[in-house]
Amino acid sequence: MSITIRESLTLKSGTSESAPVRYLDTVDAYNEWAKVYDSDGNFLQALDTLEMQTMLPSFLRVVSSYFQPDDAPTMKLVDLGCGTGRNTMQLFLTAPKNVDIIGLDASPGMLDVARRNLRKVGIASGHSDDEDNNCSANQDDQFEVTSPREINMVSLNLFNILSWPRMLFPRSCYASTSTSSIATAPGDDIDISTTDTEVGVAGVISTLVVEHIPLDLFFQCVSALLLPGGYLLLTNMHSEMGEISQAGFIDEATGTKIRPETSYCHRIADVLSVAERTGLEVIGDVRERTVDETLVEVLGRRARKWVGVKVWFGVLFRKKTSVS
């Protein structure tokens, strides 16, 4: 079993922190981080956003080419670990017509911010404010948008990969909707083999998320979510950075670093190997980014300490259509 970054760093002599560190349960940490996530100057998020400007349109082209060659019926796309909706909004802004976009995240705090962010860009909620405030884990928070390119749907849903498969996918991820057999509330123990619904999405993006998930579980979950031939666009912190640090933020009120207690230093070779075992093949090359002085000018001063270090990678996968 892989050790966490926290465990790895404690084994290294001479490791020191510039501020006291407090480790929280991963969901609790992100609930706290949600308050400043979009404004705390995290350079890795900024780099990911920069890279997604080219990777996301390429992802959408291959997905729509395969699943909507002739303006076929609506296809579903999932932002797995959507956080505050940073890339959920980009999916909406760049996706073709007739697309249902589904944001999934384990943190209620992050989803609350995502709702507000969606409204800011004109994506109006289908619920009243009271309904939004009372939205529970077994409800889909849906946002309809009418535009010249037909009606698209964006939904935000509470979903924790670490609880899968005991916690099933939200109903919006299913091709058919016999809701009596779909459970999304935490604690529900359902035998998947008894369901009469079919999971099926054309594409999944998951950005800066897999750091917190064991690779086997992550790719098994994604493979179960994707239709045959479906695509996964994955980005993550590079292992060179993970050998030095992990995700986290500083609580401005106390000066304490808050970090999720579970983060893994996933090496690219391991990511590719586990993906292959779960039926996903790499499309194209793995993209890696090393911080240099030019990038510091774009990303800000917090990137300077990482000059010369590989900090990010991105890769496109496709679920095989048959077992060889």
C-alpha atoms as a PDB file:
ATOM      1  CA  MET A   1       0.000   0.000   0.000  1.00  0.00           C
ATOM      2  CA  SER A   2       1.304   3.476  -0.873  1.00  0.00           C
ATOM      3  CA  ILE A   3       2.333   5.698   1.992  1.00  0.00           C
ATOM      4  CA  THR A   4       0.996   9.228   2.135  1.00  0.00           C
ATOM      5  CA  ILE A   5       3.073  12.323   1.464  1.00  0.00           C
ATOM      6  CA  ARG A   6       2.726  13.217   5.144  1.00  0.00           C
ATOM      7  CA  GLU A   7       4.226   9.873   6.159  1.00  0.00           C
ATOM      8  CA  SER A   8       6.992  10.186   3.587  1.00  0.00           C
ATOM      9  CA  LEU A   9       8.000  13.678   4.698  1.00  0.00           C
ATOM     10  CA  THR A  10       8.176  12.668   8.359  1.00  0.00           C
ATOM     11  CA  LEU A  11      10.689   9.972   7.430  1.00  0.00           C
ATOM     12  CA  LYS A  12      13.040  12.536   5.893  1.00  0.00           C
ATOM     13  CA  SER A  13      15.556  14.107   8.231  1.00  0.00           C
ATOM     14  CA  GLY A  14      15.892  17.862   8.247  1.00  0.00           C
ATOM     15  CA  THR A  15      12.348  18.479   6.998  1.00  0.00           C
ATOM     16  CA  SER A  16      11.062  21.751   8.431  1.00  0.00           C
ATOM     17  CA  GLU A  17       8.002  23.918   7.989  1.00  0.00           C
ATOM     18  CA  SER A  18       7.901  27.710   7.858  1.00  0.00           C
ATOM     19  CA  ALA A  19       4.576  27.653   9.721  1.00  0.00           C
ATOM     20  CA  PRO A  20       2.805  25.246  12.086  1.00  0.00           C
ATOM     21  CA  VAL A  21       0.854  22.552  10.232  1.00  0.00           C
ATOM     22  CA  ARG A  22      -2.551  21.144  11.078  1.00  0.00           C
ATOM     23  CA  TYR A  23      -3.772  18.036   9.279  1.00  0.00           C
ATOM     24  CA  LEU A  24      -7.505  17.542   8.778  1.00  0.00           C
ATOM     25  CA  ASP A  25      -9.690  14.880   7.243  1.00  0.00           C
ATOM     26  CA  THR A  26      -9.535  15.538   3.498  1.00  0.00           C
ATOM     27  CA  VAL A  27     -13.175  16.608   3.163  1.00  0.00           C
ATOM     28  CA  ASP A  28     -12.948  18.820   6.261  1.00  0.00           C
ATOM     29  CA  ALA A  29      -9.765  20.423   4.918  1.00  0.00           C
ATOM     30  CA  TYR A  30     -11.414  21.258   1.602  1.00  0.00           C
ATOM     31  CA  ASN A  31     -14.507  22.586   3.360  1.00  0.00           C
ATOM     32  CA  GLU A  32     -12.191  25.068   5.089  1.00  0.00           C
ATOM     33  CA  TRP A  33     -10.128  25.730   1.965  1.00  0.00           C
ATOM     34  CA  ALA A  34     -13.290  26.518  -0.005  1.00  0.00           C
ATOM     35  CA  LYS A  35     -13.501  29.901   1.734  1.00  0.00           C
ATOM     36  CA  VAL A  36     -10.298  31.097   0.016  1.00  0.00           C
ATOM     37  CA  TYR A  37      -9.690  28.489  -2.685  1.00  0.00           C
ATOM     38  CA  ASP A  38     -10.274  30.850  -5.597  1.00  0.00           C
ATOM     39  CA  SER A  39      -8.279  33.737  -4.124  1.00  0.00           C
ATOM     40  CA  ASP A  40      -5.303  32.370  -2.169  1.00  0.00           C
ATOM     41  CA  GLY A  41      -2.849  32.541  -5.074  1.00  0.00           C
ATOM     42  CA  ASN A  42      -2.182  28.817  -5.430  1.00  0.00           C
ATOM     43  CA  PHE A  43       0.170  28.674  -8.408  1.00  0.00           C
ATOM     44  CA  LEU A  44      -0.547  25.017  -9.226  1.00  0.00           C
ATOM     45  CA  GLN A  45      -4.218  25.833  -9.782  1.00  0.00           C
ATOM     46  CA  ALA A  46      -3.150  28.726 -12.003  1.00  0.00           C
ATOM     47  CA  LEU A  47      -0.838  26.449 -13.986  1.00  0.00           C
ATOM     48  CA  ASP A  48      -3.582  23.859 -14.347  1.00  0.00           C
ATOM     49  CA  THR A  49      -5.979  26.514 -15.636  1.00  0.00           C
ATOM     50  CA  LEU A  50      -3.343  27.636 -18.131  1.00  0.00           C
ATOM     51  CA  GLU A  51      -2.755  24.108 -19.413  1.00  0.00           C
ATOM     52  CA  MET A  52      -6.465  23.370 -19.646  1.00  0.00           C
ATOM     53  CA  GLN A  53      -6.825  26.182 -22.176  1.00  0.00           C
ATOM     54  CA  THR A  54      -5.335  23.808 -24.751  1.00  0.00           C
ATOM     55  CA  MET A  55      -6.022  20.377 -23.262  1.00  0.00           C
ATOM     56  CA  LEU A  56      -9.743  20.872 -22.641  1.00  0.00           C
ATOM     57  CA  PRO A  57     -10.678  21.856 -26.229  1.00  0.00           C
ATOM     58  CA  SER A  58      -8.655  18.893 -27.521  1.00  0.00           C
ATOM     59  CA  PHE A  59     -10.476  16.599 -25.093  1.00  0.00           C
ATOM     60  CA  LEU A  60     -13.857  17.919 -26.206  1.00  0.00           C
ATOM     61  CA  ARG A  61     -12.995  17.458 -29.874  1.00  0.00           C
ATOM     62  CA  VAL A  62     -12.164  13.766 -29.525  1.00  0.00           C
ATOM     63  CA  VAL A  63     -15.135  13.067 -27.248  1.00  0.00           C
ATOM     64  CA  SER A  64     -17.671  14.795 -29.494  1.00  0.00           C
ATOM     65  CA  SER A  65     -16.138  13.253 -32.626  1.00  0.00           C
ATOM     66  CA  TYR A  66     -16.703   9.771 -31.217  1.00  0.00           C
ATOM     67  CA  PHE A  67     -20.018  10.213 -29.403  1.00  0.00           C
ATOM     68  CA  GLN A  68     -21.680  12.992 -31.438  1.00  0.00           C
ATOM     69  CA  PRO A  69     -20.489  12.519 -35.035  1.00  0.00           C
ATOM     70  CA  ASP A  70     -23.800  13.713 -36.487  1.00  0.00           C
ATOM     71  CA  ASP A  71     -25.270  15.828 -33.700  1.00  0.00           C
ATOM     72  CA  ALA A  72     -26.342  12.687 -31.885  1.00  0.00           C
ATOM     73  CA  PRO A  73     -28.463  12.841 -28.712  1.00  0.00           C
ATOM     74  CA  THR A  74     -27.185  14.472 -25.553  1.00  0.00           C
ATOM     75  CA  MET A  75     -23.920  13.166 -24.140  1.00  0.00           C
ATOM     76  CA  LYS A  76     -22.775  13.413 -20.528  1.00  0.00           C
ATOM     77  CA  LEU A  77     -19.475  14.830 -19.275  1.00  0.00           C
ATOM     78  CA  VAL A  78     -18.289  14.619 -15.664  1.00  0.00           C
ATOM     79  CA  ASP A  79     -15.950  16.923 -13.757  1.00  0.00           C
ATOM     80  CA  LEU A  80     -14.779  14.468 -11.087  1.00  0.00           C
ATOM     81  CA  GLY A  81     -13.646  16.437  -8.061  1.00  0.00           C
ATOM     82  CA  CYS A  82     -15.045  19.666  -9.472  1.00  0.00           C
ATOM     83  CA  GLY A  83     -14.217  21.783  -6.414  1.00  0.00           C
ATOM     84  CA  THR A  84     -15.365  25.373  -6.852  1.00  0.00           C
ATOM     85  CA  GLY A  85     -16.360  24.757 -10.468  1.00  0.00           C
ATOM     86  CA  ARG A  86     -13.172  26.135 -12.042  1.00  0.00           C
ATOM     87  CA  ASN A  87     -13.230  23.637 -14.908  1.00  0.00           C
ATOM     88  CA  THR A  88     -16.961  22.896 -14.728  1.00  0.00           C
ATOM     89  CA  MET A  89     -17.525  26.409 -16.038  1.00  0.00           C
ATOM     90  CA  GLN A  90     -14.902  25.939 -18.734  1.00  0.00           C
ATOM     91  CA  LEU A  91     -16.616  22.734 -19.835  1.00  0.00           C
ATOM     92  CA  PHE A  92     -19.860  24.633 -20.197  1.00  0.00           C
ATOM     93  CA  LEU A  93     -18.264  27.509 -22.080  1.00  0.00           C
ATOM     94  CA  THR A  94     -16.425  25.289 -24.576  1.00  0.00           C
ATOM     95  CA  ALA A  95     -18.612  22.181 -24.888  1.00  0.00           C
ATOM     96  CA  PRO A  96     -20.666  21.539 -28.037  1.00  0.00           C
ATOM     97  CA  LYS A  97     -24.461  21.637 -27.972  1.00  0.00           C
ATOM     98  CA  ASN A  98     -26.551  18.933 -26.301  1.00  0.00           C
ATOM     99  CA  VAL A  99     -24.185  18.207 -23.430  1.00  0.00           C
ATOM    100  CA  ASP A 100     -25.048  17.478 -19.809  1.00  0.00           C
ATOM    101  CA  ILE A 101     -22.198  18.576 -17.544  1.00  0.00           C
ATOM    102  CA  ILE A 102     -22.032  16.916 -14.137  1.00  0.00           C
ATOM    103  CA  GLY A 103     -19.841  18.251 -11.345  1.00  0.00           C
ATOM    104  CA  LEU A 104     -19.026  15.768  -8.585  1.00  0.00           C
ATOM    105  CA  ASP A 105     -17.208  16.588  -5.355  1.00  0.00           C
ATOM    106  CA  ALA A 106     -16.900  15.210  -1.821  1.00  0.00           C
ATOM    107  CA  SER A 107     -16.830  18.653  -0.180  1.00  0.00           C
ATOM    108  CA  PRO A 108     -20.139  20.431   0.499  1.00  0.00           C
ATOM    109  CA  GLY A 109     -18.181  23.642   1.069  1.00  0.00           C
ATOM    110  CA  MET A 110     -16.594  23.458  -2.370  1.00  0.00           C
ATOM    111  CA  LEU A 111     -19.963  22.755  -3.993  1.00  0.00           C
ATOM    112  CA  ASP A 112     -21.490  25.786  -2.257  1.00  0.00           C
ATOM    113  CA  VAL A 113     -18.816  27.994  -3.833  1.00  0.00           C
ATOM    114  CA  ALA A 114     -19.306  26.268  -7.193  1.00  0.00           C
ATOM    115  CA  ARG A 115     -23.012  27.139  -7.122  1.00  0.00           C
ATOM    116  CA  ARG A 116     -22.208  30.790  -6.525  1.00  0.00           C
ATOM    117  CA  ASN A 117     -19.567  30.801  -9.246  1.00  0.00           C
ATOM    118  CA  LEU A 118     -21.972  29.291 -11.756  1.00  0.00           C
ATOM    119  CA  ARG A 119     -24.536  31.969 -11.002  1.00  0.00           C
ATOM    120  CA  LYS A 120     -21.917  34.692 -11.469  1.00  0.00           C
ATOM    121  CA  VAL A 121     -21.415  33.647 -15.091  1.00  0.00           C
ATOM    122  CA  GLY A 122     -25.147  33.575 -15.761  1.00  0.00           C
ATOM    123  CA  ILE A 123     -25.910  29.932 -15.113  1.00  0.00           C
ATOM    124  CA  ALA A 124     -29.121  30.246 -13.122  1.00  0.00           C
ATOM    125  CA  SER A 125     -30.185  27.635 -10.613  1.00  0.00           C
ATOM    126  CA  GLY A 126     -33.284  25.563 -11.195  1.00  0.00           C
ATOM    127  CA  HIS A 127     -33.884  25.595  -7.431  1.00  0.00           C
ATOM    128  CA  SER A 128     -34.893  28.381  -5.098  1.00  0.00           C
ATOM    129  CA  ASP A 129     -32.342  29.634  -2.584  1.00  0.00           C
ATOM    130  CA  ASP A 130     -34.103  27.751   0.201  1.00  0.00           C
ATOM    131  CA  GLU A 131     -33.985  24.536  -1.794  1.00  0.00           C
ATOM    132  CA  ASP A 132     -30.295  25.088  -2.494  1.00  0.00           C
ATOM    133  CA  ASN A 133     -29.535  25.609   1.172  1.00  0.00           C
ATOM    134  CA  ASN A 134     -31.371  22.427   2.084  1.00  0.00           C
ATOM    135  CA  CYS A 135     -29.913  20.333  -0.733  1.00  0.00           C
ATOM    136  CA  SER A 136     -28.898  16.940   0.641  1.00  0.00           C
ATOM    137  CA  ALA A 137     -26.495  14.300  -0.601  1.00  0.00           C
ATOM    138  CA  ASN A 138     -29.156  12.376  -2.506  1.00  0.00           C
ATOM    139  CA  GLN A 139     -30.309  15.340  -4.584  1.00  0.00           C
ATOM    140  CA  ASP A 140     -28.956  16.715  -7.849  1.00  0.00           C
ATOM    141  CA  ASP A 141     -28.455  20.490  -7.896  1.00  0.00           C
ATOM    142  CA  GLN A 142     -29.355  21.309 -11.495  1.00  0.00           C
ATOM    143  CA  PHE A 143     -28.746  24.481 -13.484  1.00  0.00           C
ATOM    144  CA  GLU A 144     -30.433  25.001 -16.856  1.00  0.00           C
ATOM    145  CA  VAL A 145     -29.091  27.434 -19.403  1.00  0.00           C
ATOM    146  CA  THR A 146     -30.822  28.462 -22.588  1.00  0.00           C
ATOM    147  CA  SER A 147     -28.446  29.649 -25.284  1.00  0.00           C
ATOM    148  CA  PRO A 148     -28.336  29.784 -29.088  1.00  0.00           C
ATOM    149  CA  ARG A 149     -26.668  26.380 -29.017  1.00  0.00           C
ATOM    150  CA  GLU A 150     -29.700  24.580 -27.536  1.00  0.00           C
ATOM    151  CA  ILE A 151     -30.342  23.853 -23.851  1.00  0.00           C
ATOM    152  CA  ASN A 152     -27.459  22.429 -21.831  1.00  0.00           C
ATOM    153  CA  MET A 153     -27.651  21.231 -18.251  1.00  0.00           C
ATOM    154  CA  VAL A 154     -25.099  21.638 -15.497  1.00  0.00           C
ATOM    155  CA  SER A 155     -25.633  19.669 -12.289  1.00  0.00           C
ATOM    156  CA  LEU A 156     -23.624  19.649  -9.067  1.00  0.00           C
ATOM    157  CA  ASN A 157     -23.640  16.539  -6.930  1.00  0.00           C
ATOM    158  CA  LEU A 158     -22.093  15.361  -3.685  1.00  0.00           C
ATOM    159  CA  PHE A 159     -19.971  12.272  -4.364  1.00  0.00           C
ATOM    160  CA  ASN A 160     -16.959  10.829  -2.540  1.00  0.00           C
ATOM    161  CA  ILE A 161     -14.756   8.466  -4.552  1.00  0.00           C
ATOM    162  CA  LEU A 162     -13.460   6.984  -1.298  1.00  0.00           C
ATOM    163  CA  SER A 163     -16.993   5.743  -0.542  1.00  0.00           C
ATOM    164  CA  TRP A 164     -17.466   4.109  -3.945  1.00  0.00           C
ATOM    165  CA  PRO A 165     -18.846   1.535  -4.830  1.00  0.00           C
ATOM    166  CA  ARG A 166     -20.886   1.437  -1.606  1.00  0.00           C
ATOM    167  CA  MET A 167     -21.971   4.961  -2.483  1.00  0.00           C
ATOM    168  CA  LEU A 168     -23.330   4.823  -6.024  1.00  0.00           C
ATOM    169  CA  PHE A 169     -22.983   7.481  -8.676  1.00  0.00           C
ATOM    170  CA  PRO A 170     -25.616  10.265  -8.633  1.00  0.00           C
ATOM    171  CA  ARG A 171     -28.664   9.677 -10.821  1.00  0.00           C
ATOM    172  CA  SER A 172     -27.461  12.255 -13.347  1.00  0.00           C
ATOM    173  CA  CYS A 173     -24.655   9.853 -14.342  1.00  0.00           C
ATOM    174  CA  TYR A 174     -27.094   7.146 -15.396  1.00  0.00           C
ATOM    175  CA  ALA A 175     -28.387   6.580 -18.894  1.00  0.00           C
ATOM    176  CA  SER A 176     -31.755   5.449 -17.540  1.00  0.00           C
ATOM    177  CA  THR A 177     -33.372   6.756 -14.396  1.00  0.00           C
ATOM    178  CA  SER A 178     -35.122   4.150 -12.317  1.00  0.00           C
ATOM    179  CA  THR A 179     -34.504   6.177  -9.173  1.00  0.00           C
ATOM    180  CA  SER A 180     -35.743   3.438  -6.856  1.00  0.00           C
ATOM    181  CA  SER A 181     -32.518   1.555  -7.504  1.00  0.00           C
ATOM    182  CA  ILE A 182     -30.125   4.495  -7.250  1.00  0.00           C
ATOM    183  CA  ALA A 183     -28.677   5.435  -3.857  1.00  0.00           C
ATOM    184  CA  THR A 184     -26.415   8.424  -3.340  1.00  0.00           C
ATOM    185  CA  ALA A 185     -26.800   9.129   0.350  1.00  0.00           C
ATOM    186  CA  PRO A 186     -23.695   8.384   2.426  1.00  0.00           C
ATOM    187  CA  GLY A 187     -24.131   5.201   4.447  1.00  0.00           C
ATOM    188  CA  ASP A 188     -26.452   3.453   2.021  1.00  0.00           C
ATOM    189  CA  ASP A 189     -25.151  -0.058   1.357  1.00  0.00           C
ATOM    190  CA  ILE A 190     -26.444  -1.150  -2.040  1.00  0.00           C
ATOM    191  CA  ASP A 191     -25.651  -4.215  -4.109  1.00  0.00           C
ATOM    192  CA  ILE A 192     -24.789  -2.739  -7.517  1.00  0.00           C
ATOM    193  CA  SER A 193     -25.697  -5.990  -9.239  1.00  0.00           C
ATOM    194  CA  THR A 194     -29.353  -5.440  -8.311  1.00  0.00           C
ATOM    195  CA  THR A 195     -29.695  -2.075 -10.057  1.00  0.00           C
ATOM    196  CA  ASP A 196     -31.565  -1.861 -13.351  1.00  0.00           C
ATOM    197  CA  THR A 197     -29.905   1.362 -14.457  1.00  0.00           C
ATOM    198  CA  GLU A 198     -26.856   1.855 -16.624  1.00  0.00           C
ATOM    199  CA  VAL A 199     -23.990   4.221 -15.878  1.00  0.00           C
ATOM    200  CA  GLY A 200     -22.737   5.894 -18.978  1.00  0.00           C
ATOM    201  CA  VAL A 201     -20.809   9.114 -19.567  1.00  0.00           C
ATOM    202  CA  ALA A 202     -18.805  10.000 -22.643  1.00  0.00           C
ATOM    203  CA  GLY A 203     -16.011  11.825 -20.886  1.00  0.00           C
ATOM    204  CA  VAL A 204     -14.508  12.597 -17.497  1.00  0.00           C
ATOM    205  CA  ILE A 205     -12.109  15.340 -16.511  1.00  0.00           C
ATOM    206  CA  SER A 206     -10.368  15.158 -13.142  1.00  0.00           C
ATOM    207  CA  THR A 207      -7.917  17.923 -12.343  1.00  0.00           C
ATOM    208  CA  LEU A 208      -5.620  18.032  -9.298  1.00  0.00           C
ATOM    209  CA  VAL A 209      -7.733  15.384  -7.564  1.00  0.00           C
ATOM    210  CA  VAL A 210      -6.059  11.977  -7.761  1.00  0.00           C
ATOM    211  CA  GLU A 211      -3.382  13.147  -5.291  1.00  0.00           C
ATOM    212  CA  HIS A 212      -5.921  12.297  -2.586  1.00  0.00           C
ATOM    213  CA  ILE A 213      -7.077   8.914  -3.924  1.00  0.00           C
ATOM    214  CA  PRO A 214      -5.372   5.500  -4.152  1.00  0.00           C
ATOM    215  CA  LEU A 215      -4.739   4.837  -7.847  1.00  0.00           C
ATOM    216  CA  ASP A 216      -6.525   1.483  -8.008  1.00  0.00           C
ATOM    217  CA  LEU A 217      -9.706   2.926  -6.522  1.00  0.00           C
ATOM    218  CA  PHE A 218      -9.594   6.047  -8.684  1.00  0.00           C
ATOM    219  CA  PHE A 219      -9.226   4.237 -11.997  1.00  0.00           C
ATOM    220  CA  GLN A 220     -11.744   1.528 -11.105  1.00  0.00           C
ATOM    221  CA  CYS A 221     -14.247   4.278 -10.345  1.00  0.00           C
ATOM    222  CA  VAL A 222     -13.530   6.157 -13.579  1.00  0.00           C
ATOM    223  CA  SER A 223     -13.675   2.982 -15.653  1.00  0.00           C
ATOM    224  CA  ALA A 224     -17.069   2.147 -14.146  1.00  0.00           C
ATOM    225  CA  LEU A 225     -18.288   5.657 -14.920  1.00  0.00           C
ATOM    226  CA  LEU A 226     -17.181   5.763 -18.567  1.00  0.00           C
ATOM    227  CA  LEU A 227     -18.922   4.272 -21.556  1.00  0.00           C
ATOM    228  CA  PRO A 228     -16.743   2.024 -23.753  1.00  0.00           C
ATOM    229  CA  GLY A 229     -14.680   4.385 -25.882  1.00  0.00           C
ATOM    230  CA  GLY A 230     -15.090   7.183 -23.333  1.00  0.00           C
ATOM    231  CA  TYR A 231     -12.253   9.569 -22.511  1.00  0.00           C
ATOM    232  CA  LEU A 232     -10.558  10.685 -19.292  1.00  0.00           C
ATOM    233  CA  LEU A 233      -8.543  13.897 -19.087  1.00  0.00           C
ATOM    234  CA  LEU A 234      -6.408  13.700 -15.947  1.00  0.00           C
ATOM    235  CA  THR A 235      -4.092  16.286 -14.408  1.00  0.00           C
ATOM    236  CA  ASN A 236      -2.217  16.090 -11.133  1.00  0.00           C
ATOM    237  CA  MET A 237       0.669  17.372  -9.077  1.00  0.00           C
ATOM    238  CA  HIS A 238       3.932  15.879 -10.375  1.00  0.00           C
ATOM    239  CA  SER A 239       5.764  13.430  -8.115  1.00  0.00           C
ATOM    240  CA  GLU A 240       8.831  15.722  -8.084  1.00  0.00           C
ATOM    241  CA  MET A 241       6.709  18.280  -6.267  1.00  0.00           C
ATOM    242  CA  GLY A 242       5.013  15.607  -4.166  1.00  0.00           C
ATOM    243  CA  GLU A 243       8.378  14.510  -2.790  1.00  0.00           C
ATOM    244  CA  ILE A 244       8.739  17.986  -1.297  1.00  0.00           C
ATOM    245  CA  SER A 245       5.250  19.164  -0.395  1.00  0.00           C
ATOM    246  CA  GLN A 246       1.512  18.565  -0.771  1.00  0.00           C
ATOM    247  CA  ALA A 247      -1.781  20.381  -1.213  1.00  0.00           C
ATOM    248  CA  GLY A 248      -2.752  22.860   1.468  1.00  0.00           C
ATOM    249  CA  PHE A 249      -3.322  26.489   2.407  1.00  0.00           C
ATOM    250  CA  ILE A 250      -2.592  28.940   5.216  1.00  0.00           C
ATOM    251  CA  ASP A 251      -5.385  29.908   7.590  1.00  0.00           C
ATOM    252  CA  GLU A 252      -4.942  33.679   7.636  1.00  0.00           C
ATOM    253  CA  ALA A 253      -6.610  33.980  11.046  1.00  0.00           C
ATOM    254  CA  THR A 254      -4.086  31.716  12.790  1.00  0.00           C
ATOM    255  CA  GLY A 255      -1.126  31.524  10.403  1.00  0.00           C
ATOM    256  CA  THR A 256      -1.428  27.733  10.473  1.00  0.00           C
ATOM    257  CA  LYS A 257      -0.976  25.607   7.371  1.00  0.00           C
ATOM    258  CA  ILE A 258      -4.027  23.416   6.809  1.00  0.00           C
ATOM    259  CA  ARG A 259      -3.371  20.216   4.902  1.00  0.00           C
ATOM    260  CA  PRO A 260      -5.527  17.221   3.959  1.00  0.00           C
ATOM    261  CA  GLU A 261      -4.320  14.227   5.948  1.00  0.00           C
ATOM    262  CA  THR A 262      -4.360  11.975   2.879  1.00  0.00           C
ATOM    263  CA  SER A 263      -2.220  12.884  -0.128  1.00  0.00           C
ATOM    264  CA  TYR A 264      -0.182  10.529  -2.293  1.00  0.00           C
ATOM    265  CA  CYS A 265       2.928  11.116  -4.380  1.00  0.00           C
ATOM    266  CA  HIS A 266       1.763   9.325  -7.534  1.00  0.00           C
ATOM    267  CA  ARG A 267       4.499   8.723 -10.091  1.00  0.00           C
ATOM    268  CA  ILE A 268       3.545   8.927 -13.752  1.00  0.00           C
ATOM    269  CA  ALA A 269       4.702   5.362 -14.426  1.00  0.00           C
ATOM    270  CA  ASP A 270       2.378   4.096 -11.682  1.00  0.00           C
ATOM    271  CA  VAL A 271      -0.524   6.176 -12.992  1.00  0.00           C
ATOM    272  CA  LEU A 272      -0.121   4.726 -16.484  1.00  0.00           C
ATOM    273  CA  SER A 273       0.310   1.166 -15.205  1.00  0.00           C
ATOM    274  CA  VAL A 274      -2.813   1.197 -13.039  1.00  0.00           C
ATOM    275  CA  ALA A 275      -4.843   2.871 -15.783  1.00  0.00           C
ATOM    276  CA  GLU A 276      -3.834   0.109 -18.195  1.00  0.00           C
ATOM    277  CA  ARG A 277      -4.901  -2.579 -15.706  1.00  0.00           C
ATOM    278  CA  THR A 278      -8.346  -1.027 -15.453  1.00  0.00           C
ATOM    279  CA  GLY A 279      -8.920  -0.879 -19.201  1.00  0.00           C
ATOM    280  CA  LEU A 280      -7.730   2.633 -20.040  1.00  0.00           C
ATOM    281  CA  GLU A 281      -5.149   3.327 -22.735  1.00  0.00           C
ATOM    282  CA  VAL A 282      -3.020   6.441 -23.124  1.00  0.00           C
ATOM    283  CA  ILE A 283      -3.792   8.705 -26.068  1.00  0.00           C
ATOM    284  CA  GLY A 284      -0.816  10.778 -27.176  1.00  0.00           C
ATOM    285  CA  ASP A 285       1.988  11.876 -24.875  1.00  0.00           C
ATOM    286  CA  VAL A 286       2.039  12.708 -21.189  1.00  0.00           C
ATOM    287  CA  ARG A 287       2.495  16.457 -20.764  1.00  0.00           C
ATOM    288  CA  GLU A 288       4.810  17.609 -17.950  1.00  0.00           C
ATOM    289  CA  ARG A 289       5.556  21.153 -16.830  1.00  0.00           C
ATOM    290  CA  THR A 290       8.673  22.416 -15.076  1.00  0.00           C
ATOM    291  CA  VAL A 291       8.657  25.850 -13.469  1.00  0.00           C
ATOM    292  CA  ASP A 292      11.072  28.323 -15.075  1.00  0.00           C
ATOM    293  CA  GLU A 293      11.519  32.082 -14.746  1.00  0.00           C
ATOM    294  CA  THR A 294       9.148  32.765 -17.624  1.00  0.00           C
ATOM    295  CA  LEU A 295       6.442  30.720 -15.939  1.00  0.00           C
ATOM    296  CA  VAL A 296       7.034  32.534 -12.638  1.00  0.00           C
ATOM    297  CA  GLU A 297       6.131  35.800 -14.367  1.00  0.00           C
ATOM    298  CA  VAL A 298       2.822  34.248 -15.415  1.00  0.00           C
ATOM    299  CA  LEU A 299       1.972  32.307 -12.247  1.00  0.00           C
ATOM    300  CA  GLY A 300       3.177  34.720  -9.576  1.00  0.00           C
ATOM    301  CA  ARG A 301       5.789  34.885  -6.835  1.00  0.00           C
ATOM    302  CA  ARG A 302       4.697  31.695  -5.064  1.00  0.00           C
ATOM    303  CA  ALA A 303       5.962  29.725  -8.047  1.00  0.00           C
ATOM    304  CA  ARG A 304       9.540  31.014  -7.674  1.00  0.00           C
ATOM    305  CA  LYS A 305      10.597  28.472  -5.027  1.00  0.00           C
ATOM    306  CA  TRP A 306       9.736  25.719  -7.522  1.00  0.00           C
ATOM    307  CA  VAL A 307      12.005  26.863 -10.361  1.00  0.00           C
ATOM    308  CA  GLY A 308      13.652  23.791 -11.892  1.00  0.00           C
ATOM    309  CA  VAL A 309      11.081  21.381 -10.423  1.00  0.00           C
ATOM    310  CA  LYS A 310       8.475  19.435 -12.380  1.00  0.00           C
ATOM    311  CA  VAL A 311       5.216  20.347 -10.664  1.00  0.00           C
ATOM    312  CA  TRP A 312       2.379  19.234 -12.966  1.00  0.00           C
ATOM    313  CA  PHE A 313       1.433  16.605 -15.494  1.00  0.00           C
ATOM    314  CA  GLY A 314      -1.565  15.940 -17.716  1.00  0.00           C
ATOM    315  CA  VAL A 315      -2.589  12.936 -19.768  1.00  0.00           C
ATOM    316  CA  LEU A 316      -5.513  11.778 -21.911  1.00  0.00           C
ATOM    317  CA  PHE A 317      -6.878   8.242 -21.594  1.00  0.00           C
ATOM    318  CA  ARG A 318      -9.514   6.297 -23.493  1.00  0.00           C
ATOM    319  CA  LYS A 319     -11.517   3.363 -22.170  1.00  0.00           C
ATOM    320  CA  LYS A 320     -11.006   0.358 -24.406  1.00  0.00           C
ATOM    321  CA  THR A 321     -14.063  -0.746 -26.352  1.00  0.00           C
ATOM    322  CA  SER A 322     -13.206  -4.435 -25.984  1.00  0.00           C
ATOM    323  CA  VAL A 323     -10.939  -6.660 -23.927  1.00  0.00           C
ATOM    324  CA  SER A 324      -7.935  -7.829 -25.943  1.00  0.00           C
END
